[in-house]
């Protein structure tokens, strides 16, 4: 039987090919069999083998809040009839929180080799290069590598070039994959190249910036800016480092500016029709989300409604041109109240704090900034899952660099022993 370490390597290595796997499933008409479900099942299997082999000894303290949150969701699922409707097995298998718990346990109890990390970096580089090529082609042909060509279940509206959402190679997987996997992957890659003092990171930042702009997703563009801040942080925010970061930012901005002009973008139209399409912040669905939140949150302040949308909240959201309370943090507070939000947000904060402390110790900041992007995205999206392969690889790289730091520290201590 394969060893747990080999199984975990296979699991994570396959994740790097999620865009290809998702494409295969859609093209072959297996849309209802989501790639995420396959990977959840693999994750559960590997976790079970780890447990039976007694390989799970390291249980991070922050998982305590995630476990309580899972129980909280289970209680709500029982009272709101979800378990009766779909069954307890379906609830457990479809739980992104349980999948996240399992994958964190696997990573926390795994040792990742230099070969695995280098191979992953090569694949991530290829992913970025292919993604930017596809994004540029999609600018001229919106049907290129589009799920709608193969599936009637996925609809991409024919809109002008400034409002069309381009998902590059990630459209077959999940429309949020480009923000919650690609940007974290780019952060992981940038952090790795900065750590290795590889100046070619600038080229991949340019590619990533082009993908973010061509996506027409404002949260992606801001997420990309957040990602680049690690360049200044790695340089310790000293005067010279700040100057280098400022110059790099100007260069990247100018190159991206010339790039989108070359493709045929009208900058003024792009700003008017995409960046400030609503004309005023008060006209945006995100601003309207605060009004909806203020209306419904006090009614179920402590424990929430127990569901994502009630008919009343859905109707109020439609009245402001939205399908939901379009701010993740606010939506969660309404759905699960102060009690559930305390558990989830505590888990997020403690995980981020761990990544920050590890980054301080190792000077590898890619993983920490990957999760900063995730926390930023929650201001505009409503997706609380950590089961995105970009975020998973952020945790893998954090574990690798921290293990490397501990090994180096131990060797230095041994040398000092007389």
Protein backbone atom coordinates (compact mmCIF):
# COMPACT_ATOMS: atom_id res chain seq x y z
CA UNK A 1 0.00 0.00 0.00
CA UNK A 2 1.23 3.51 -0.80
CA UNK A 3 2.68 5.50 2.05
CA UNK A 4 0.67 8.51 3.33
CA UNK A 5 3.43 10.89 2.20
CA UNK A 6 3.25 9.56 -1.35
CA UNK A 7 -0.54 9.82 -1.35
CA UNK A 8 -0.42 13.42 -0.17
CA UNK A 9 2.14 14.24 -2.87
CA UNK A 10 -0.17 12.75 -5.51
CA UNK A 11 -3.17 14.65 -4.12
CA UNK A 12 -1.45 18.03 -4.14
CA UNK A 13 0.37 17.46 -7.42
CA UNK A 14 -2.95 16.70 -9.14
CA UNK A 15 -4.37 19.95 -7.78
CA UNK A 16 -1.88 21.89 -9.87
CA UNK A 17 -3.72 20.59 -12.93
CA UNK A 18 -7.23 21.60 -11.81
CA UNK A 19 -7.80 23.88 -14.86
CA UNK A 20 -7.04 20.93 -17.14
CA UNK A 21 -9.07 18.45 -15.09
CA UNK A 22 -12.07 20.80 -14.94
CA UNK A 23 -11.80 21.35 -18.71
CA UNK A 24 -11.83 17.58 -19.29
CA UNK A 25 -14.93 17.12 -17.11
CA UNK A 26 -16.87 19.88 -18.87
CA UNK A 27 -15.89 18.83 -22.38
CA UNK A 28 -16.95 15.26 -21.65
CA UNK A 29 -20.31 16.33 -20.27
CA UNK A 30 -19.56 15.54 -16.63
CA UNK A 31 -20.32 19.03 -15.34
CA UNK A 32 -22.48 17.66 -12.51
CA UNK A 33 -19.42 15.77 -11.23
CA UNK A 34 -17.49 18.77 -9.99
CA UNK A 35 -13.71 18.50 -9.82
CA UNK A 36 -13.99 19.86 -6.28
CA UNK A 37 -16.00 16.82 -5.21
CA UNK A 38 -13.34 14.51 -6.62
CA UNK A 39 -10.62 16.34 -4.72
CA UNK A 40 -12.65 16.37 -1.53
CA UNK A 41 -13.02 12.60 -1.77
CA UNK A 42 -9.27 12.22 -2.34
CA UNK A 43 -8.60 14.49 0.62
CA UNK A 44 -10.89 12.47 2.90
CA UNK A 45 -9.22 9.25 1.75
CA UNK A 46 -5.72 10.54 2.44
CA UNK A 47 -6.81 11.91 5.84
CA UNK A 48 -8.31 8.54 6.76
CA UNK A 49 -5.06 6.79 5.85
CA UNK A 50 -3.07 9.33 7.88
CA UNK A 51 -5.31 8.67 10.87
CA UNK A 52 -5.12 4.88 10.58
CA UNK A 53 -1.33 5.09 10.26
CA UNK A 54 -1.25 7.46 13.27
CA UNK A 55 0.55 10.04 11.18
CA UNK A 56 -1.50 12.98 12.44
CA UNK A 57 0.29 14.21 15.53
CA UNK A 58 0.40 17.91 14.78
CA UNK A 59 -2.97 19.59 15.32
CA UNK A 60 -2.68 23.39 14.98
CA UNK A 61 -4.50 25.23 17.74
CA UNK A 62 -6.44 27.46 15.37
CA UNK A 63 -8.31 24.38 14.07
CA UNK A 64 -10.23 24.34 17.36
CA UNK A 65 -12.35 27.24 16.09
CA UNK A 66 -12.86 25.58 12.71
CA UNK A 67 -14.09 22.38 14.39
CA UNK A 68 -16.54 24.38 16.52
CA UNK A 69 -17.68 26.23 13.41
CA UNK A 70 -18.34 22.94 11.61
CA UNK A 71 -20.48 21.78 14.56
CA UNK A 72 -22.28 25.15 14.47
CA UNK A 73 -23.09 24.68 10.77
CA UNK A 74 -24.23 21.12 11.46
CA UNK A 75 -26.63 22.29 14.17
CA UNK A 76 -28.09 24.91 11.83
CA UNK A 77 -28.35 22.34 9.02
CA UNK A 78 -30.33 20.13 11.38
CA UNK A 79 -32.73 22.88 12.47
CA UNK A 80 -33.27 24.44 9.05
CA UNK A 81 -34.08 21.08 7.47
CA UNK A 82 -31.01 20.82 5.23
CA UNK A 83 -29.94 17.46 6.66
CA UNK A 84 -33.47 16.09 6.38
CA UNK A 85 -33.65 17.30 2.80
CA UNK A 86 -30.26 16.12 1.54
CA UNK A 87 -29.12 13.65 4.16
CA UNK A 88 -26.24 13.72 6.61
CA UNK A 89 -23.84 11.96 4.21
CA UNK A 90 -24.43 14.57 1.53
CA UNK A 91 -23.90 17.35 4.09
CA UNK A 92 -20.59 15.89 5.21
CA UNK A 93 -19.32 15.18 1.68
CA UNK A 94 -20.23 18.64 0.41
CA UNK A 95 -18.79 20.53 3.37
CA UNK A 96 -15.92 22.76 2.25
CA UNK A 97 -15.15 23.38 5.92
CA UNK A 98 -14.56 19.67 6.62
CA UNK A 99 -12.44 19.45 3.46
CA UNK A 100 -10.40 22.45 4.63
CA UNK A 101 -9.96 20.85 8.07
CA UNK A 102 -8.69 17.65 6.46
CA UNK A 103 -6.31 19.35 4.05
CA UNK A 104 -4.81 21.51 6.81
CA UNK A 105 -4.24 18.41 8.95
CA UNK A 106 -2.54 16.66 6.02
CA UNK A 107 -0.28 19.65 5.31
CA UNK A 108 0.55 20.16 9.00
CA UNK A 109 1.71 16.55 9.25
CA UNK A 110 3.57 16.38 5.93
CA UNK A 111 7.15 17.07 4.99
CA UNK A 112 7.57 18.60 1.52
CA UNK A 113 10.80 17.93 -0.31
CA UNK A 114 12.85 20.39 -2.33
CA UNK A 115 12.05 18.40 -5.49
CA UNK A 116 8.29 18.67 -4.87
CA UNK A 117 8.54 22.43 -4.29
CA UNK A 118 10.72 23.06 -7.35
CA UNK A 119 8.43 20.96 -9.53
CA UNK A 120 5.40 22.86 -8.22
CA UNK A 121 7.07 26.18 -9.01
CA UNK A 122 7.74 25.07 -12.59
CA UNK A 123 4.09 24.11 -13.04
CA UNK A 124 2.90 27.37 -11.47
CA UNK A 125 5.14 29.31 -13.87
CA UNK A 126 3.66 27.41 -16.81
CA UNK A 127 0.17 28.11 -15.43
CA UNK A 128 0.85 31.87 -15.34
CA UNK A 129 2.28 31.92 -18.87
CA UNK A 130 -0.59 29.88 -20.33
CA UNK A 131 -3.13 31.98 -18.40
CA UNK A 132 -1.86 35.29 -19.80
CA UNK A 133 -1.83 33.90 -23.36
CA UNK A 134 -5.42 32.66 -22.98
CA UNK A 135 -6.51 35.99 -21.44
CA UNK A 136 -5.12 37.90 -24.42
CA UNK A 137 -6.78 35.55 -26.91
CA UNK A 138 -10.07 35.88 -25.03
CA UNK A 139 -9.82 39.64 -25.50
CA UNK A 140 -10.23 39.09 -29.24
CA UNK A 141 -12.43 35.96 -29.05
CA UNK A 142 -14.61 35.66 -25.95
CA UNK A 143 -15.62 32.10 -26.89
CA UNK A 144 -12.03 30.86 -26.76
CA UNK A 145 -11.62 28.34 -23.94
CA UNK A 146 -15.09 29.23 -22.72
CA UNK A 147 -17.30 26.75 -20.82
CA UNK A 148 -20.40 27.95 -22.64
CA UNK A 149 -19.13 26.37 -25.85
CA UNK A 150 -19.47 22.94 -24.19
CA UNK A 151 -22.10 23.40 -21.52
CA UNK A 152 -25.52 24.97 -21.50
CA UNK A 153 -25.26 25.26 -17.72
CA UNK A 154 -22.61 27.97 -17.94
CA UNK A 155 -23.64 31.27 -19.49
CA UNK A 156 -21.32 34.08 -20.55
CA UNK A 157 -23.28 37.10 -21.74
CA UNK A 158 -22.29 38.91 -24.91
CA UNK A 159 -21.25 42.28 -23.53
CA UNK A 160 -18.72 44.90 -24.54
CA UNK A 161 -15.00 44.33 -24.02
CA UNK A 162 -14.90 46.58 -20.95
CA UNK A 163 -17.55 44.70 -18.98
CA UNK A 164 -17.02 41.10 -20.07
CA UNK A 165 -15.56 38.91 -17.30
CA UNK A 166 -12.63 36.95 -18.69
CA UNK A 167 -11.72 33.94 -16.56
CA UNK A 168 -8.69 32.87 -18.59
CA UNK A 169 -8.01 29.13 -18.06
CA UNK A 170 -10.06 29.00 -14.86
CA UNK A 171 -13.57 29.32 -16.30
CA UNK A 172 -14.13 25.57 -16.40
CA UNK A 173 -13.29 25.15 -12.72
CA UNK A 174 -15.08 27.88 -10.78
CA UNK A 175 -15.70 31.53 -11.60
CA UNK A 176 -14.02 32.43 -8.28
CA UNK A 177 -10.98 30.27 -9.03
CA UNK A 178 -9.19 33.11 -10.80
CA UNK A 179 -9.33 35.25 -7.65
CA UNK A 180 -9.01 32.56 -4.98
CA UNK A 181 -6.52 30.28 -6.74
CA UNK A 182 -4.68 32.22 -9.42
CA UNK A 183 -3.80 35.30 -7.36
CA UNK A 184 -2.69 33.21 -4.34
CA UNK A 185 -0.60 31.05 -6.72
CA UNK A 186 0.98 34.19 -8.16
CA UNK A 187 1.70 35.37 -4.61
CA UNK A 188 3.30 32.00 -3.78
CA UNK A 189 5.45 32.23 -6.92
CA UNK A 190 6.43 35.87 -6.30
CA UNK A 191 7.37 35.10 -2.70
CA UNK A 192 9.46 32.12 -3.79
CA UNK A 193 11.33 34.10 -6.45
CA UNK A 194 11.95 36.99 -4.05
CA UNK A 195 13.27 34.52 -1.48
CA UNK A 196 15.58 33.04 -4.12
CA UNK A 197 16.55 36.57 -5.29
CA UNK A 198 15.35 35.72 -8.78
CA UNK A 199 14.74 39.03 -10.56
CA UNK A 200 12.54 37.37 -13.16
CA UNK A 201 9.68 37.78 -10.70
CA UNK A 202 9.04 41.14 -12.37
CA UNK A 203 8.11 39.35 -15.61
CA UNK A 204 5.58 37.12 -13.85
CA UNK A 205 4.14 40.13 -12.03
CA UNK A 206 3.62 41.76 -15.43
CA UNK A 207 1.86 38.63 -16.66
CA UNK A 208 -0.30 38.53 -13.53
CA UNK A 209 -1.14 42.22 -13.81
CA UNK A 210 -2.23 41.74 -17.42
CA UNK A 211 -4.48 38.83 -16.44
CA UNK A 212 -6.02 40.88 -13.61
CA UNK A 213 -6.76 43.83 -15.91
CA UNK A 214 -8.12 41.73 -18.76
CA UNK A 215 -10.37 39.86 -16.33
CA UNK A 216 -12.26 43.13 -15.78
CA UNK A 217 -12.64 42.11 -12.14
CA UNK A 218 -12.01 45.08 -9.89
CA UNK A 219 -11.37 42.87 -6.87
CA UNK A 220 -8.70 41.06 -8.92
CA UNK A 221 -6.96 44.31 -9.79
CA UNK A 222 -6.88 45.41 -6.15
CA UNK A 223 -5.81 41.90 -5.12
CA UNK A 224 -2.92 42.15 -7.55
CA UNK A 225 -1.83 45.46 -5.98
CA UNK A 226 -1.94 43.82 -2.52
CA UNK A 227 0.18 40.98 -3.86
CA UNK A 228 2.92 43.33 -5.07
CA UNK A 229 3.31 44.89 -1.61
CA UNK A 230 5.38 41.90 -0.53
CA UNK A 231 8.20 43.26 -2.70
CA UNK A 232 8.54 46.18 -0.29
CA UNK A 233 8.10 43.96 2.76
CA UNK A 234 10.85 41.56 1.67
CA UNK A 235 13.13 44.57 1.36
CA UNK A 236 12.39 45.29 5.05
CA UNK A 237 10.66 48.57 4.16
CA UNK A 238 14.00 50.37 4.31
CA UNK A 239 14.44 53.57 2.33
CA UNK A 240 16.23 51.85 -0.53
CA UNK A 241 13.64 49.06 -0.54
CA UNK A 242 10.76 51.55 -0.69
CA UNK A 243 12.43 53.37 -3.58
CA UNK A 244 12.93 50.08 -5.43
CA UNK A 245 9.29 49.15 -4.86
CA UNK A 246 8.11 52.58 -6.05
CA UNK A 247 10.21 52.35 -9.21
CA UNK A 248 9.07 48.78 -9.85
CA UNK A 249 5.44 49.85 -9.43
CA UNK A 250 5.88 52.66 -11.94
CA UNK A 251 7.55 50.33 -14.45
CA UNK A 252 4.84 47.67 -14.09
CA UNK A 253 2.11 50.32 -14.40
CA UNK A 254 3.63 51.83 -17.55
CA UNK A 255 4.18 48.44 -19.20
CA UNK A 256 0.64 47.32 -18.39
CA UNK A 257 -0.71 50.67 -19.60
CA UNK A 258 1.08 50.34 -22.93
CA UNK A 259 0.03 46.70 -23.12
CA UNK A 260 -3.71 47.34 -22.84
CA UNK A 261 -3.40 50.24 -25.30
CA UNK A 262 -1.71 47.88 -27.74
CA UNK A 263 -4.57 45.39 -27.37
CA UNK A 264 -7.08 48.10 -28.29
CA UNK A 265 -8.45 49.27 -24.96
CA UNK A 266 -9.77 52.83 -24.77
CA UNK A 267 -8.56 53.84 -21.31
CA UNK A 268 -11.28 56.45 -20.79
CA UNK A 269 -14.02 54.01 -21.77
CA UNK A 270 -12.47 51.31 -19.58
CA UNK A 271 -12.48 53.64 -16.58
CA UNK A 272 -16.03 54.86 -17.23
CA UNK A 273 -17.58 51.53 -18.19
CA UNK A 274 -15.75 49.23 -15.76
CA UNK A 275 -13.80 50.86 -12.95
CA UNK A 276 -16.47 53.49 -12.25
CA UNK A 277 -19.38 52.03 -14.18
CA UNK A 278 -21.91 52.89 -11.45
CA UNK A 279 -20.86 56.55 -11.46
CA UNK A 280 -20.96 56.80 -7.66
CA UNK A 281 -20.05 54.47 -4.82
CA UNK A 282 -23.59 54.92 -3.50
CA UNK A 283 -24.90 53.23 -6.62
CA UNK A 284 -22.82 50.07 -6.17
CA UNK A 285 -24.28 46.81 -4.88
CA UNK A 286 -21.52 46.71 -2.25
CA UNK A 287 -22.71 50.02 -0.81
CA UNK A 288 -26.28 48.77 -0.96
CA UNK A 289 -25.18 45.64 0.94
CA UNK A 290 -24.54 47.78 4.02
CA UNK A 291 -28.13 49.04 3.91
CA UNK A 292 -29.49 45.52 3.59
CA UNK A 293 -27.20 44.40 6.41
CA UNK A 294 -28.40 47.22 8.68
CA UNK A 295 -31.98 46.20 7.99
CA UNK A 296 -31.72 42.44 8.65
CA UNK A 297 -28.77 41.91 11.02
CA UNK A 298 -30.45 43.29 14.18
CA UNK A 299 -33.34 40.83 13.72
CA UNK A 300 -31.11 37.77 14.22
CA UNK A 301 -27.99 39.32 15.68
CA UNK A 302 -26.69 36.49 17.84
CA UNK A 303 -27.24 33.30 15.83
CA UNK A 304 -28.24 34.50 12.37
CA UNK A 305 -30.84 33.11 9.99
CA UNK A 306 -29.05 29.81 9.47
CA UNK A 307 -29.31 30.05 5.69
CA UNK A 308 -27.48 32.04 3.06
CA UNK A 309 -30.59 33.84 1.82
CA UNK A 310 -34.10 34.17 3.19
CA UNK A 311 -36.85 35.22 0.74
CA UNK A 312 -36.95 38.65 2.39
CA UNK A 313 -33.21 39.22 2.09
CA UNK A 314 -33.22 38.01 -1.51
CA UNK A 315 -36.02 40.40 -2.40
CA UNK A 316 -34.32 43.33 -0.66
CA UNK A 317 -31.07 42.52 -2.49
CA UNK A 318 -32.81 42.41 -5.87
CA UNK A 319 -34.26 45.84 -5.14
CA UNK A 320 -30.73 47.27 -5.21
CA UNK A 321 -29.67 45.27 -8.26
CA UNK A 322 -27.92 42.44 -6.42
CA UNK A 323 -28.51 38.73 -5.90
CA UNK A 324 -27.38 38.77 -2.25
CA UNK A 325 -25.66 40.84 0.45
CA UNK A 326 -22.60 41.33 -1.72
CA UNK A 327 -20.04 41.75 1.06
CA UNK A 328 -18.83 38.43 2.44
CA UNK A 329 -18.29 39.55 6.02
CA UNK A 330 -21.72 41.21 6.25
CA UNK A 331 -23.47 38.30 4.57
CA UNK A 332 -21.93 35.87 7.04
CA UNK A 333 -22.97 37.97 10.03
CA UNK A 334 -26.55 37.96 8.79
CA UNK A 335 -26.52 34.23 7.99
CA UNK A 336 -24.76 32.93 11.13
CA UNK A 337 -24.82 35.83 13.56
CA UNK A 338 -22.19 36.93 16.02
CA UNK A 339 -21.72 33.40 17.36
CA UNK A 340 -20.95 31.72 14.05
CA UNK A 341 -18.96 34.68 12.75
CA UNK A 342 -16.83 34.75 15.89
CA UNK A 343 -15.86 31.12 15.28
CA UNK A 344 -15.08 31.53 11.57
CA UNK A 345 -13.34 34.89 11.85
CA UNK A 346 -11.28 33.67 14.82
CA UNK A 347 -10.10 30.73 12.73
CA UNK A 348 -9.19 33.08 9.87
CA UNK A 349 -7.37 35.51 12.16
CA UNK A 350 -5.34 32.85 13.97
CA UNK A 351 -4.39 31.20 10.67
CA UNK A 352 -3.28 34.56 9.28
CA UNK A 353 -1.35 35.29 12.48
CA UNK A 354 0.48 31.98 12.16
CA UNK A 355 1.36 32.74 8.53
CA UNK A 356 2.57 36.20 9.57
CA UNK A 357 4.81 34.83 12.34
CA UNK A 358 6.23 32.20 10.00
CA UNK A 359 6.89 34.86 7.35
CA UNK A 360 8.74 36.99 9.90
CA UNK A 361 10.88 34.00 10.81
CA UNK A 362 11.61 32.78 7.27
CA UNK A 363 11.35 35.97 5.18
CA UNK A 364 9.08 34.06 2.82
CA UNK A 365 5.97 36.24 2.48
CA UNK A 366 4.16 34.60 -0.42
CA UNK A 367 1.77 32.57 1.73
CA UNK A 368 0.84 35.42 4.06
CA UNK A 369 0.00 37.73 1.16
CA UNK A 370 -1.97 34.94 -0.53
CA UNK A 371 -4.30 34.97 2.48
CA UNK A 372 -4.38 38.76 2.61
CA UNK A 373 -5.84 38.53 -0.89
CA UNK A 374 -8.40 36.01 0.40
CA UNK A 375 -9.40 38.36 3.22
CA UNK A 376 -9.68 41.27 0.79
CA UNK A 377 -11.87 39.25 -1.58
CA UNK A 378 -14.37 38.70 1.25
CA UNK A 379 -15.21 42.40 0.98
CA UNK A 380 -16.70 41.80 -2.44
CA UNK A 381 -17.41 38.06 -2.83
CA UNK A 382 -19.44 35.69 -0.68
CA UNK A 383 -17.35 32.52 -0.68
CA UNK A 384 -15.93 31.32 2.64
CA UNK A 385 -14.25 28.18 1.34
CA UNK A 386 -10.51 27.70 1.77
CA UNK A 387 -10.68 24.70 -0.53
CA UNK A 388 -9.10 26.47 -3.50
CA UNK A 389 -5.87 25.01 -4.73
CA UNK A 390 -4.05 28.36 -4.73
CA UNK A 391 -4.77 28.79 -1.02
CA UNK A 392 -3.86 25.17 -0.36
CA UNK A 393 -0.48 25.67 -2.00
CA UNK A 394 0.04 28.81 0.05
CA UNK A 395 -0.24 26.59 3.15
CA UNK A 396 2.10 24.00 1.59
CA UNK A 397 4.80 26.57 0.88
CA UNK A 398 4.44 28.07 4.35
CA UNK A 399 4.97 24.59 5.84
CA UNK A 400 7.99 23.94 3.60
CA UNK A 401 9.77 27.17 4.42
CA UNK A 402 9.03 26.95 8.13
CA UNK A 403 10.35 23.35 8.27
CA UNK A 404 13.44 24.57 6.42
CA UNK A 405 13.85 27.36 8.98
CA UNK A 406 13.53 24.96 11.92
CA UNK A 407 16.06 22.56 10.39
CA UNK A 408 18.55 25.37 9.88
CA UNK A 409 17.95 26.63 13.42
CA UNK A 410 18.50 23.14 14.84
CA UNK A 411 21.77 22.72 12.91
CA UNK A 412 23.04 26.05 14.25
CA UNK A 413 22.18 25.01 17.80
CA UNK A 414 24.03 21.71 17.37
CA UNK A 415 27.11 23.54 16.10
CA UNK A 416 27.14 25.70 19.23
CA UNK A 417 27.21 22.67 21.53
CA UNK A 418 30.80 22.30 22.81
